[in-house]
Amino acid sequence: MANHFRRYLPMVAVLTLVCFVASCKTTSSPARQVDDAGIKTSVKAKMAADVRLSTLTNIEVNSTNGVVTLSGQVENESDRSLAVKVARSVEGVVKVNNELQIKH
């Protein structure tokens, strides 16, 4: 029984390593990942600086390859439009996906 285990151990180790390395691969370059983190931070900072948007804590910001996605809830259409406008004003943003919902 121990011989069988020792015989398969190297193969299992290699397969585990291959799976681990494959799962670490992303579609974005390291530079783009850093840019996306900076874009996300900049959008959140600009929203926090805006008097109307600073009171909205239900806005989630994500950035992938310069495409910003806004999700969550806002009070009205005016706040929804303002959030998109603020996100578009950040350098590096190529598109804004507006998934914000208006509270009922």
PDB file of N, CA and C in Angstrom:
ATOM      1  N   MET A   1       0.826  -1.196   0.000  1.00  0.00           N
ATOM      2  CA  MET A   1       0.000   0.000   0.000  1.00  0.00           C
ATOM      3  C   MET A   1       0.872   1.262   0.000  1.00  0.00           C
ATOM      4  N   ALA A   2       1.924   1.262   0.833  1.00  0.00           N
ATOM      5  CA  ALA A   2       2.819   2.411   0.904  1.00  0.00           C
ATOM      6  C   ALA A   2       3.564   2.608  -0.405  1.00  0.00           C
ATOM      7  N   ASN A   3       3.913   1.520  -1.093  1.00  0.00           N
ATOM      8  CA  ASN A   3       4.590   1.623  -2.387  1.00  0.00           C
ATOM      9  C   ASN A   3       3.709   2.309  -3.419  1.00  0.00           C
ATOM     10  N   HIS A   4       2.430   1.987  -3.423  1.00  0.00           N
ATOM     11  CA  HIS A   4       1.501   2.628  -4.358  1.00  0.00           C
ATOM     12  C   HIS A   4       1.416   4.122  -4.083  1.00  0.00           C
ATOM     13  N   PHE A   5       1.355   4.448  -2.823  1.00  0.00           N
ATOM     14  CA  PHE A   5       1.274   5.863  -2.451  1.00  0.00           C
ATOM     15  C   PHE A   5       2.520   6.619  -2.901  1.00  0.00           C
ATOM     16  N   ARG A   6       3.689   6.042  -2.656  1.00  0.00           N
ATOM     17  CA  ARG A   6       4.955   6.689  -3.042  1.00  0.00           C
ATOM     18  C   ARG A   6       5.073   6.818  -4.561  1.00  0.00           C
ATOM     19  N   ARG A   7       4.530   5.875  -5.264  1.00  0.00           N
ATOM     20  CA  ARG A   7       4.605   5.906  -6.726  1.00  0.00           C
ATOM     21  C   ARG A   7       3.746   7.035  -7.304  1.00  0.00           C
ATOM     22  N   TYR A   8       2.610   7.301  -6.710  1.00  0.00           N
ATOM     23  CA  TYR A   8       1.686   8.321  -7.222  1.00  0.00           C
ATOM     24  C   TYR A   8       1.915   9.702  -6.621  1.00  0.00           C
ATOM     25  N   LEU A   9       2.654   9.788  -5.542  1.00  0.00           N
ATOM     26  CA  LEU A   9       2.882  11.068  -4.871  1.00  0.00           C
ATOM     27  C   LEU A   9       3.492  12.129  -5.795  1.00  0.00           C
ATOM     28  N   PRO A  10       4.549  11.825  -6.570  1.00  0.00           N
ATOM     29  CA  PRO A  10       5.091  12.859  -7.463  1.00  0.00           C
ATOM     30  C   PRO A  10       4.074  13.340  -8.503  1.00  0.00           C
ATOM     31  N   MET A  11       3.268  12.423  -9.022  1.00  0.00           N
ATOM     32  CA  MET A  11       2.264  12.803 -10.014  1.00  0.00           C
ATOM     33  C   MET A  11       1.201  13.706  -9.387  1.00  0.00           C
ATOM     34  N   VAL A  12       0.756  13.388  -8.209  1.00  0.00           N
ATOM     35  CA  VAL A  12      -0.227  14.207  -7.507  1.00  0.00           C
ATOM     36  C   VAL A  12       0.354  15.587  -7.202  1.00  0.00           C
ATOM     37  N   ALA A  13       1.616  15.638  -6.797  1.00  0.00           N
ATOM     38  CA  ALA A  13       2.270  16.914  -6.501  1.00  0.00           C
ATOM     39  C   ALA A  13       2.356  17.782  -7.748  1.00  0.00           C
ATOM     40  N   VAL A  14       2.709  17.198  -8.879  1.00  0.00           N
ATOM     41  CA  VAL A  14       2.808  17.949 -10.130  1.00  0.00           C
ATOM     42  C   VAL A  14       1.431  18.455 -10.554  1.00  0.00           C
ATOM     43  N   LEU A  15       0.427  17.609 -10.487  1.00  0.00           N
ATOM     44  CA  LEU A  15      -0.930  18.030 -10.848  1.00  0.00           C
ATOM     45  C   LEU A  15      -1.421  19.157  -9.952  1.00  0.00           C
ATOM     46  N   THR A  16      -1.141  19.070  -8.670  1.00  0.00           N
ATOM     47  CA  THR A  16      -1.533  20.124  -7.732  1.00  0.00           C
ATOM     48  C   THR A  16      -0.849  21.433  -8.084  1.00  0.00           C
ATOM     49  N   LEU A  17       0.438  21.370  -8.389  1.00  0.00           N
ATOM     50  CA  LEU A  17       1.183  22.570  -8.762  1.00  0.00           C
ATOM     51  C   LEU A  17       0.642  23.180 -10.050  1.00  0.00           C
ATOM     52  N   VAL A  18       0.350  22.355 -11.043  1.00  0.00           N
ATOM     53  CA  VAL A  18      -0.189  22.846 -12.312  1.00  0.00           C
ATOM     54  C   VAL A  18      -1.537  23.524 -12.091  1.00  0.00           C
ATOM     55  N   CYS A  19      -2.395  22.923 -11.302  1.00  0.00           N
ATOM     56  CA  CYS A  19      -3.706  23.519 -11.008  1.00  0.00           C
ATOM     57  C   CYS A  19      -3.552  24.847 -10.280  1.00  0.00           C
ATOM     58  N   PHE A  20      -2.634  24.908  -9.340  1.00  0.00           N
ATOM     59  CA  PHE A  20      -2.413  26.144  -8.593  1.00  0.00           C
ATOM     60  C   PHE A  20      -1.927  27.254  -9.512  1.00  0.00           C
ATOM     61  N   VAL A  21      -0.956  26.962 -10.359  1.00  0.00           N
ATOM     62  CA  VAL A  21      -0.403  27.962 -11.270  1.00  0.00           C
ATOM     63  C   VAL A  21      -1.465  28.412 -12.270  1.00  0.00           C
ATOM     64  N   ALA A  22      -2.249  27.491 -12.774  1.00  0.00           N
ATOM     65  CA  ALA A  22      -3.292  27.837 -13.734  1.00  0.00           C
ATOM     66  C   ALA A  22      -4.353  28.727 -13.103  1.00  0.00           C
ATOM     67  N   SER A  23      -4.665  28.518 -11.841  1.00  0.00           N
ATOM     68  CA  SER A  23      -5.688  29.335 -11.183  1.00  0.00           C
ATOM     69  C   SER A  23      -5.191  30.736 -10.877  1.00  0.00           C
ATOM     70  N   CYS A  24      -3.884  30.949 -10.866  1.00  0.00           N
ATOM     71  CA  CYS A  24      -3.324  32.273 -10.592  1.00  0.00           C
ATOM     72  C   CYS A  24      -3.298  33.160 -11.827  1.00  0.00           C
ATOM     73  N   LYS A  25      -3.468  32.586 -12.991  1.00  0.00           N
ATOM     74  CA  LYS A  25      -3.403  33.351 -14.227  1.00  0.00           C
ATOM     75  C   LYS A  25      -4.614  34.269 -14.341  1.00  0.00           C
ATOM     76  N   THR A  26      -4.376  35.514 -14.725  1.00  0.00           N
ATOM     77  CA  THR A  26      -5.467  36.454 -14.950  1.00  0.00           C
ATOM     78  C   THR A  26      -5.422  36.924 -16.386  1.00  0.00           C
ATOM     79  N   THR A  27      -6.480  37.567 -16.801  1.00  0.00           N
ATOM     80  CA  THR A  27      -6.531  38.092 -18.162  1.00  0.00           C
ATOM     81  C   THR A  27      -5.941  39.488 -18.238  1.00  0.00           C
ATOM     82  N   SER A  28      -5.567  40.051 -17.105  1.00  0.00           N
ATOM     83  CA  SER A  28      -5.023  41.403 -17.064  1.00  0.00           C
ATOM     84  C   SER A  28      -3.540  41.366 -16.745  1.00  0.00           C
ATOM     85  N   SER A  29      -2.814  42.314 -17.324  1.00  0.00           N
ATOM     86  CA  SER A  29      -1.395  42.430 -17.003  1.00  0.00           C
ATOM     87  C   SER A  29      -1.260  43.022 -15.606  1.00  0.00           C
ATOM     88  N   PRO A  30      -0.115  42.837 -14.951  1.00  0.00           N
ATOM     89  CA  PRO A  30       0.080  43.431 -13.626  1.00  0.00           C
ATOM     90  C   PRO A  30      -0.096  44.952 -13.637  1.00  0.00           C
ATOM     91  N   ALA A  31       0.348  45.598 -14.715  1.00  0.00           N
ATOM     92  CA  ALA A  31       0.191  47.056 -14.798  1.00  0.00           C
ATOM     93  C   ALA A  31      -1.286  47.441 -14.837  1.00  0.00           C
ATOM     94  N   ARG A  32      -2.084  46.693 -15.588  1.00  0.00           N
ATOM     95  CA  ARG A  32      -3.518  46.988 -15.689  1.00  0.00           C
ATOM     96  C   ARG A  32      -4.203  46.742 -14.360  1.00  0.00           C
ATOM     97  N   GLN A  33      -3.791  45.687 -13.635  1.00  0.00           N
ATOM     98  CA  GLN A  33      -4.384  45.407 -12.336  1.00  0.00           C
ATOM     99  C   GLN A  33      -4.119  46.557 -11.380  1.00  0.00           C
ATOM    100  N   VAL A  34      -2.910  47.126 -11.423  1.00  0.00           N
ATOM    101  CA  VAL A  34      -2.576  48.264 -10.571  1.00  0.00           C
ATOM    102  C   VAL A  34      -3.414  49.467 -10.992  1.00  0.00           C
ATOM    103  N   ASP A  35      -3.543  49.686 -12.308  1.00  0.00           N
ATOM    104  CA  ASP A  35      -4.365  50.791 -12.791  1.00  0.00           C
ATOM    105  C   ASP A  35      -5.802  50.656 -12.314  1.00  0.00           C
ATOM    106  N   ASP A  36      -6.359  49.435 -12.380  1.00  0.00           N
ATOM    107  CA  ASP A  36      -7.730  49.217 -11.945  1.00  0.00           C
ATOM    108  C   ASP A  36      -7.902  49.519 -10.457  1.00  0.00           C
ATOM    109  N   ALA A  37      -6.922  49.154  -9.656  1.00  0.00           N
ATOM    110  CA  ALA A  37      -6.985  49.458  -8.223  1.00  0.00           C
ATOM    111  C   ALA A  37      -6.956  50.968  -8.011  1.00  0.00           C
ATOM    112  N   GLY A  38      -6.111  51.662  -8.767  1.00  0.00           N
ATOM    113  CA  GLY A  38      -6.039  53.119  -8.665  1.00  0.00           C
ATOM    114  C   GLY A  38      -7.311  53.788  -9.138  1.00  0.00           C
ATOM    115  N   ILE A  39      -7.890  53.263 -10.216  1.00  0.00           N
ATOM    116  CA  ILE A  39      -9.148  53.819 -10.726  1.00  0.00           C
ATOM    117  C   ILE A  39     -10.246  53.657  -9.686  1.00  0.00           C
ATOM    118  N   LYS A  40     -10.349  52.473  -9.111  1.00  0.00           N
ATOM    119  CA  LYS A  40     -11.374  52.207  -8.092  1.00  0.00           C
ATOM    120  C   LYS A  40     -11.217  53.167  -6.913  1.00  0.00           C
ATOM    121  N   THR A  41      -9.986  53.343  -6.463  1.00  0.00           N
ATOM    122  CA  THR A  41      -9.718  54.248  -5.349  1.00  0.00           C
ATOM    123  C   THR A  41     -10.067  55.683  -5.709  1.00  0.00           C
ATOM    124  N   SER A  42      -9.710  56.103  -6.923  1.00  0.00           N
ATOM    125  CA  SER A  42      -9.991  57.474  -7.357  1.00  0.00           C
ATOM    126  C   SER A  42     -11.487  57.741  -7.469  1.00  0.00           C
ATOM    127  N   VAL A  43     -12.224  56.767  -8.007  1.00  0.00           N
ATOM    128  CA  VAL A  43     -13.682  56.937  -8.124  1.00  0.00           C
ATOM    129  C   VAL A  43     -14.296  57.065  -6.737  1.00  0.00           C
ATOM    130  N   LYS A  44     -13.897  56.200  -5.818  1.00  0.00           N
ATOM    131  CA  LYS A  44     -14.443  56.263  -4.453  1.00  0.00           C
ATOM    132  C   LYS A  44     -14.089  57.587  -3.782  1.00  0.00           C
ATOM    133  N   ALA A  45     -12.854  58.061  -3.991  1.00  0.00           N
ATOM    134  CA  ALA A  45     -12.422  59.327  -3.384  1.00  0.00           C
ATOM    135  C   ALA A  45     -13.228  60.499  -3.938  1.00  0.00           C
ATOM    136  N   LYS A  46     -13.448  60.512  -5.259  1.00  0.00           N
ATOM    137  CA  LYS A  46     -14.229  61.596  -5.855  1.00  0.00           C
ATOM    138  C   LYS A  46     -15.669  61.566  -5.375  1.00  0.00           C
ATOM    139  N   MET A  47     -16.214  60.382  -5.217  1.00  0.00           N
ATOM    140  CA  MET A  47     -17.589  60.275  -4.707  1.00  0.00           C
ATOM    141  C   MET A  47     -17.667  60.750  -3.260  1.00  0.00           C
ATOM    142  N   ALA A  48     -16.651  60.425  -2.476  1.00  0.00           N
ATOM    143  CA  ALA A  48     -16.633  60.853  -1.070  1.00  0.00           C
ATOM    144  C   ALA A  48     -16.480  62.365  -0.959  1.00  0.00           C
ATOM    145  N   ALA A  49     -15.801  62.974  -1.935  1.00  0.00           N
ATOM    146  CA  ALA A  49     -15.597  64.426  -1.911  1.00  0.00           C
ATOM    147  C   ALA A  49     -16.855  65.189  -2.322  1.00  0.00           C
ATOM    148  N   ASP A  50     -17.740  64.545  -3.066  1.00  0.00           N
ATOM    149  CA  ASP A  50     -18.977  65.192  -3.497  1.00  0.00           C
ATOM    150  C   ASP A  50     -19.969  65.202  -2.342  1.00  0.00           C
ATOM    151  N   VAL A  51     -20.535  66.359  -2.057  1.00  0.00           N
ATOM    152  CA  VAL A  51     -21.415  66.514  -0.895  1.00  0.00           C
ATOM    153  C   VAL A  51     -22.621  65.576  -0.972  1.00  0.00           C
ATOM    154  N   ARG A  52     -23.250  65.481  -2.139  1.00  0.00           N
ATOM    155  CA  ARG A  52     -24.436  64.623  -2.250  1.00  0.00           C
ATOM    156  C   ARG A  52     -24.067  63.146  -2.221  1.00  0.00           C
ATOM    157  N   LEU A  53     -23.007  62.782  -2.923  1.00  0.00           N
ATOM    158  CA  LEU A  53     -22.653  61.364  -3.004  1.00  0.00           C
ATOM    159  C   LEU A  53     -21.955  60.862  -1.750  1.00  0.00           C
ATOM    160  N   SER A  54     -21.374  61.756  -0.964  1.00  0.00           N
ATOM    161  CA  SER A  54     -20.652  61.320   0.240  1.00  0.00           C
ATOM    162  C   SER A  54     -21.590  60.699   1.266  1.00  0.00           C
ATOM    163  N   THR A  55     -22.873  60.998   1.184  1.00  0.00           N
ATOM    164  CA  THR A  55     -23.835  60.425   2.129  1.00  0.00           C
ATOM    165  C   THR A  55     -24.343  59.066   1.672  1.00  0.00           C
ATOM    166  N   LEU A  56     -23.978  58.684   0.441  1.00  0.00           N
ATOM    167  CA  LEU A  56     -24.442  57.410  -0.094  1.00  0.00           C
ATOM    168  C   LEU A  56     -23.402  56.325   0.189  1.00  0.00           C
ATOM    169  N   THR A  57     -23.716  55.453   1.086  1.00  0.00           N
ATOM    170  CA  THR A  57     -22.771  54.394   1.454  1.00  0.00           C
ATOM    171  C   THR A  57     -23.073  53.088   0.727  1.00  0.00           C
ATOM    172  N   ASN A  58     -24.126  53.074  -0.062  1.00  0.00           N
ATOM    173  CA  ASN A  58     -24.546  51.832  -0.715  1.00  0.00           C
ATOM    174  C   ASN A  58     -24.044  51.695  -2.143  1.00  0.00           C
ATOM    175  N   ILE A  59     -23.027  52.447  -2.524  1.00  0.00           N
ATOM    176  CA  ILE A  59     -22.486  52.343  -3.874  1.00  0.00           C
ATOM    177  C   ILE A  59     -21.214  51.507  -3.845  1.00  0.00           C
ATOM    178  N   GLU A  60     -21.226  50.439  -4.622  1.00  0.00           N
ATOM    179  CA  GLU A  60     -20.055  49.571  -4.764  1.00  0.00           C
ATOM    180  C   GLU A  60     -19.376  49.917  -6.084  1.00  0.00           C
ATOM    181  N   VAL A  61     -18.058  50.061  -6.050  1.00  0.00           N
ATOM    182  CA  VAL A  61     -17.277  50.413  -7.238  1.00  0.00           C
ATOM    183  C   VAL A  61     -16.312  49.284  -7.550  1.00  0.00           C
ATOM    184  N   ASN A  62     -16.322  48.836  -8.805  1.00  0.00           N
ATOM    185  CA  ASN A  62     -15.360  47.837  -9.270  1.00  0.00           C
ATOM    186  C   ASN A  62     -14.791  48.302 -10.595  1.00  0.00           C
ATOM    187  N   SER A  63     -13.544  47.942 -10.867  1.00  0.00           N
ATOM    188  CA  SER A  63     -12.898  48.321 -12.113  1.00  0.00           C
ATOM    189  C   SER A  63     -12.140  47.130 -12.677  1.00  0.00           C
ATOM    190  N   THR A  64     -12.383  46.856 -13.958  1.00  0.00           N
ATOM    191  CA  THR A  64     -11.685  45.791 -14.665  1.00  0.00           C
ATOM    192  C   THR A  64     -11.312  46.306 -16.045  1.00  0.00           C
ATOM    193  N   ASN A  65     -10.026  46.352 -16.309  1.00  0.00           N
ATOM    194  CA  ASN A  65      -9.523  46.850 -17.592  1.00  0.00           C
ATOM    195  C   ASN A  65     -10.042  48.253 -17.912  1.00  0.00           C
ATOM    196  N   GLY A  66     -10.173  49.076 -16.897  1.00  0.00           N
ATOM    197  CA  GLY A  66     -10.624  50.453 -17.087  1.00  0.00           C
ATOM    198  C   GLY A  66     -12.131  50.613 -17.173  1.00  0.00           C
ATOM    199  N   VAL A  67     -12.865  49.507 -17.129  1.00  0.00           N
ATOM    200  CA  VAL A  67     -14.329  49.557 -17.154  1.00  0.00           C
ATOM    201  C   VAL A  67     -14.819  49.548 -15.707  1.00  0.00           C
ATOM    202  N   VAL A  68     -15.468  50.636 -15.318  1.00  0.00           N
ATOM    203  CA  VAL A  68     -15.953  50.791 -13.948  1.00  0.00           C
ATOM    204  C   VAL A  68     -17.407  50.334 -13.885  1.00  0.00           C
ATOM    205  N   THR A  69     -17.713  49.525 -12.892  1.00  0.00           N
ATOM    206  CA  THR A  69     -19.088  49.099 -12.652  1.00  0.00           C
ATOM    207  C   THR A  69     -19.539  49.671 -11.323  1.00  0.00           C
ATOM    208  N   LEU A  70     -20.654  50.401 -11.377  1.00  0.00           N
ATOM    209  CA  LEU A  70     -21.268  50.960 -10.175  1.00  0.00           C
ATOM    210  C   LEU A  70     -22.503  50.128  -9.863  1.00  0.00           C
ATOM    211  N   SER A  71     -22.614  49.682  -8.617  1.00  0.00           N
ATOM    212  CA  SER A  71     -23.793  48.920  -8.218  1.00  0.00           C
ATOM    213  C   SER A  71     -24.206  49.358  -6.816  1.00  0.00           C
ATOM    214  N   GLY A  72     -25.433  49.043  -6.471  1.00  0.00           N
ATOM    215  CA  GLY A  72     -25.967  49.416  -5.173  1.00  0.00           C
ATOM    216  C   GLY A  72     -27.234  50.229  -5.334  1.00  0.00           C
ATOM    217  N   GLN A  73     -27.570  50.974  -4.282  1.00  0.00           N
ATOM    218  CA  GLN A  73     -28.809  51.753  -4.295  1.00  0.00           C
ATOM    219  C   GLN A  73     -28.534  53.230  -4.062  1.00  0.00           C
ATOM    220  N   VAL A  74     -29.308  54.051  -4.748  1.00  0.00           N
ATOM    221  CA  VAL A  74     -29.257  55.504  -4.572  1.00  0.00           C
ATOM    222  C   VAL A  74     -30.674  56.000  -4.327  1.00  0.00           C
ATOM    223  N   GLU A  75     -30.772  57.239  -3.862  1.00  0.00           N
ATOM    224  CA  GLU A  75     -32.076  57.799  -3.506  1.00  0.00           C
ATOM    225  C   GLU A  75     -32.938  58.145  -4.721  1.00  0.00           C
ATOM    226  N   ASN A  76     -32.294  58.678  -5.782  1.00  0.00           N
ATOM    227  CA  ASN A  76     -33.082  59.151  -6.921  1.00  0.00           C
ATOM    228  C   ASN A  76     -32.246  59.130  -8.203  1.00  0.00           C
ATOM    229  N   GLU A  77     -32.896  59.464  -9.307  1.00  0.00           N
ATOM    230  CA  GLU A  77     -32.231  59.452 -10.618  1.00  0.00           C
ATOM    231  C   GLU A  77     -31.107  60.477 -10.679  1.00  0.00           C
ATOM    232  N   SER A  78     -31.280  61.592  -9.998  1.00  0.00           N
ATOM    233  CA  SER A  78     -30.246  62.625  -9.981  1.00  0.00           C
ATOM    234  C   SER A  78     -28.944  62.097  -9.363  1.00  0.00           C
ATOM    235  N   ASP A  79     -29.041  61.381  -8.258  1.00  0.00           N
ATOM    236  CA  ASP A  79     -27.858  60.785  -7.615  1.00  0.00           C
ATOM    237  C   ASP A  79     -27.248  59.708  -8.510  1.00  0.00           C
ATOM    238  N   ARG A  80     -28.086  58.966  -9.187  1.00  0.00           N
ATOM    239  CA  ARG A  80     -27.624  57.913 -10.105  1.00  0.00           C
ATOM    240  C   ARG A  80     -26.801  58.534 -11.235  1.00  0.00           C
ATOM    241  N   SER A  81     -27.317  59.583 -11.827  1.00  0.00           N
ATOM    242  CA  SER A  81     -26.617  60.270 -12.921  1.00  0.00           C
ATOM    243  C   SER A  81     -25.322  60.912 -12.443  1.00  0.00           C
ATOM    244  N   LEU A  82     -25.355  61.506 -11.253  1.00  0.00           N
ATOM    245  CA  LEU A  82     -24.172  62.150 -10.707  1.00  0.00           C
ATOM    246  C   LEU A  82     -23.059  61.135 -10.443  1.00  0.00           C
ATOM    247  N   ALA A  83     -23.424  59.979  -9.933  1.00  0.00           N
ATOM    248  CA  ALA A  83     -22.423  58.941  -9.661  1.00  0.00           C
ATOM    249  C   ALA A  83     -21.736  58.511 -10.954  1.00  0.00           C
ATOM    250  N   VAL A  84     -22.499  58.368 -12.019  1.00  0.00           N
ATOM    251  CA  VAL A  84     -21.922  57.989 -13.317  1.00  0.00           C
ATOM    252  C   VAL A  84     -21.021  59.104 -13.829  1.00  0.00           C
ATOM    253  N   LYS A  85     -21.471  60.334 -13.695  1.00  0.00           N
ATOM    254  CA  LYS A  85     -20.677  61.483 -14.155  1.00  0.00           C
ATOM    255  C   LYS A  85     -19.343  61.549 -13.407  1.00  0.00           C
ATOM    256  N   VAL A  86     -19.370  61.351 -12.110  1.00  0.00           N
ATOM    257  CA  VAL A  86     -18.150  61.376 -11.302  1.00  0.00           C
ATOM    258  C   VAL A  86     -17.217  60.250 -11.733  1.00  0.00           C
ATOM    259  N   ALA A  87     -17.754  59.055 -11.934  1.00  0.00           N
ATOM    260  CA  ALA A  87     -16.927  57.916 -12.338  1.00  0.00           C
ATOM    261  C   ALA A  87     -16.282  58.171 -13.699  1.00  0.00           C
ATOM    262  N   ARG A  88     -17.037  58.737 -14.632  1.00  0.00           N
ATOM    263  CA  ARG A  88     -16.495  59.021 -15.970  1.00  0.00           C
ATOM    264  C   ARG A  88     -15.390  60.069 -15.931  1.00  0.00           C
ATOM    265  N   SER A  89     -15.388  60.922 -14.931  1.00  0.00           N
ATOM    266  CA  SER A  89     -14.404  62.008 -14.858  1.00  0.00           C
ATOM    267  C   SER A  89     -13.030  61.539 -14.385  1.00  0.00           C
ATOM    268  N   VAL A  90     -12.929  60.303 -13.920  1.00  0.00           N
ATOM    269  CA  VAL A  90     -11.661  59.778 -13.400  1.00  0.00           C
ATOM    270  C   VAL A  90     -10.783  59.341 -14.571  1.00  0.00           C
ATOM    271  N   GLU A  91      -9.522  59.746 -14.511  1.00  0.00           N
ATOM    272  CA  GLU A  91      -8.566  59.388 -15.544  1.00  0.00           C
ATOM    273  C   GLU A  91      -8.373  57.874 -15.593  1.00  0.00           C
ATOM    274  N   GLY A  92      -8.383  57.325 -16.798  1.00  0.00           N
ATOM    275  CA  GLY A  92      -8.195  55.893 -16.989  1.00  0.00           C
ATOM    276  C   GLY A  92      -9.487  55.126 -17.179  1.00  0.00           C
ATOM    277  N   VAL A  93     -10.615  55.743 -16.870  1.00  0.00           N
ATOM    278  CA  VAL A  93     -11.910  55.083 -17.041  1.00  0.00           C
ATOM    279  C   VAL A  93     -12.264  55.100 -18.527  1.00  0.00           C
ATOM    280  N   VAL A  94     -12.511  53.916 -19.079  1.00  0.00           N
ATOM    281  CA  VAL A  94     -12.864  53.837 -20.492  1.00  0.00           C
ATOM    282  C   VAL A  94     -14.362  53.662 -20.700  1.00  0.00           C
ATOM    283  N   LYS A  95     -15.057  53.167 -19.679  1.00  0.00           N
ATOM    284  CA  LYS A  95     -16.498  52.947 -19.772  1.00  0.00           C
ATOM    285  C   LYS A  95     -17.055  52.809 -18.355  1.00  0.00           C
ATOM    286  N   VAL A  96     -18.323  53.179 -18.175  1.00  0.00           N
ATOM    287  CA  VAL A  96     -18.983  53.012 -16.884  1.00  0.00           C
ATOM    288  C   VAL A  96     -20.236  52.173 -17.095  1.00  0.00           C
ATOM    289  N   ASN A  97     -20.299  51.052 -16.396  1.00  0.00           N
ATOM    290  CA  ASN A  97     -21.511  50.229 -16.371  1.00  0.00           C
ATOM    291  C   ASN A  97     -22.338  50.672 -15.168  1.00  0.00           C
ATOM    292  N   ASN A  98     -23.508  51.202 -15.441  1.00  0.00           N
ATOM    293  CA  ASN A  98     -24.362  51.727 -14.385  1.00  0.00           C
ATOM    294  C   ASN A  98     -25.393  50.672 -13.981  1.00  0.00           C
ATOM    295  N   GLU A  99     -25.134  50.029 -12.858  1.00  0.00           N
ATOM    296  CA  GLU A  99     -26.070  49.031 -12.325  1.00  0.00           C
ATOM    297  C   GLU A  99     -26.717  49.535 -11.039  1.00  0.00           C
ATOM    298  N   LEU A 100     -26.707  50.852 -10.844  1.00  0.00           N
ATOM    299  CA  LEU A 100     -27.298  51.454  -9.652  1.00  0.00           C
ATOM    300  C   LEU A 100     -28.825  51.364  -9.705  1.00  0.00           C
ATOM    301  N   GLN A 101     -29.405  51.029  -8.594  1.00  0.00           N
ATOM    302  CA  GLN A 101     -30.860  50.935  -8.489  1.00  0.00           C
ATOM    303  C   GLN A 101     -31.386  52.091  -7.633  1.00  0.00           C
ATOM    304  N   ILE A 102     -32.556  52.585  -7.989  1.00  0.00           N
ATOM    305  CA  ILE A 102     -33.172  53.652  -7.213  1.00  0.00           C
ATOM    306  C   ILE A 102     -34.048  53.020  -6.126  1.00  0.00           C
ATOM    307  N   LYS A 103     -33.866  53.479  -4.897  1.00  0.00           N
ATOM    308  CA  LYS A 103     -34.663  52.962  -3.780  1.00  0.00           C
ATOM    309  C   LYS A 103     -36.127  53.300  -4.010  1.00  0.00           C
ATOM    310  N   HIS A 104     -36.988  52.376  -3.627  1.00  0.00           N
ATOM    311  CA  HIS A 104     -38.425  52.614  -3.767  1.00  0.00           C
ATOM    312  C   HIS A 104     -39.038  52.910  -2.442  1.00  0.00           C
TER     313      HIS A 104
END
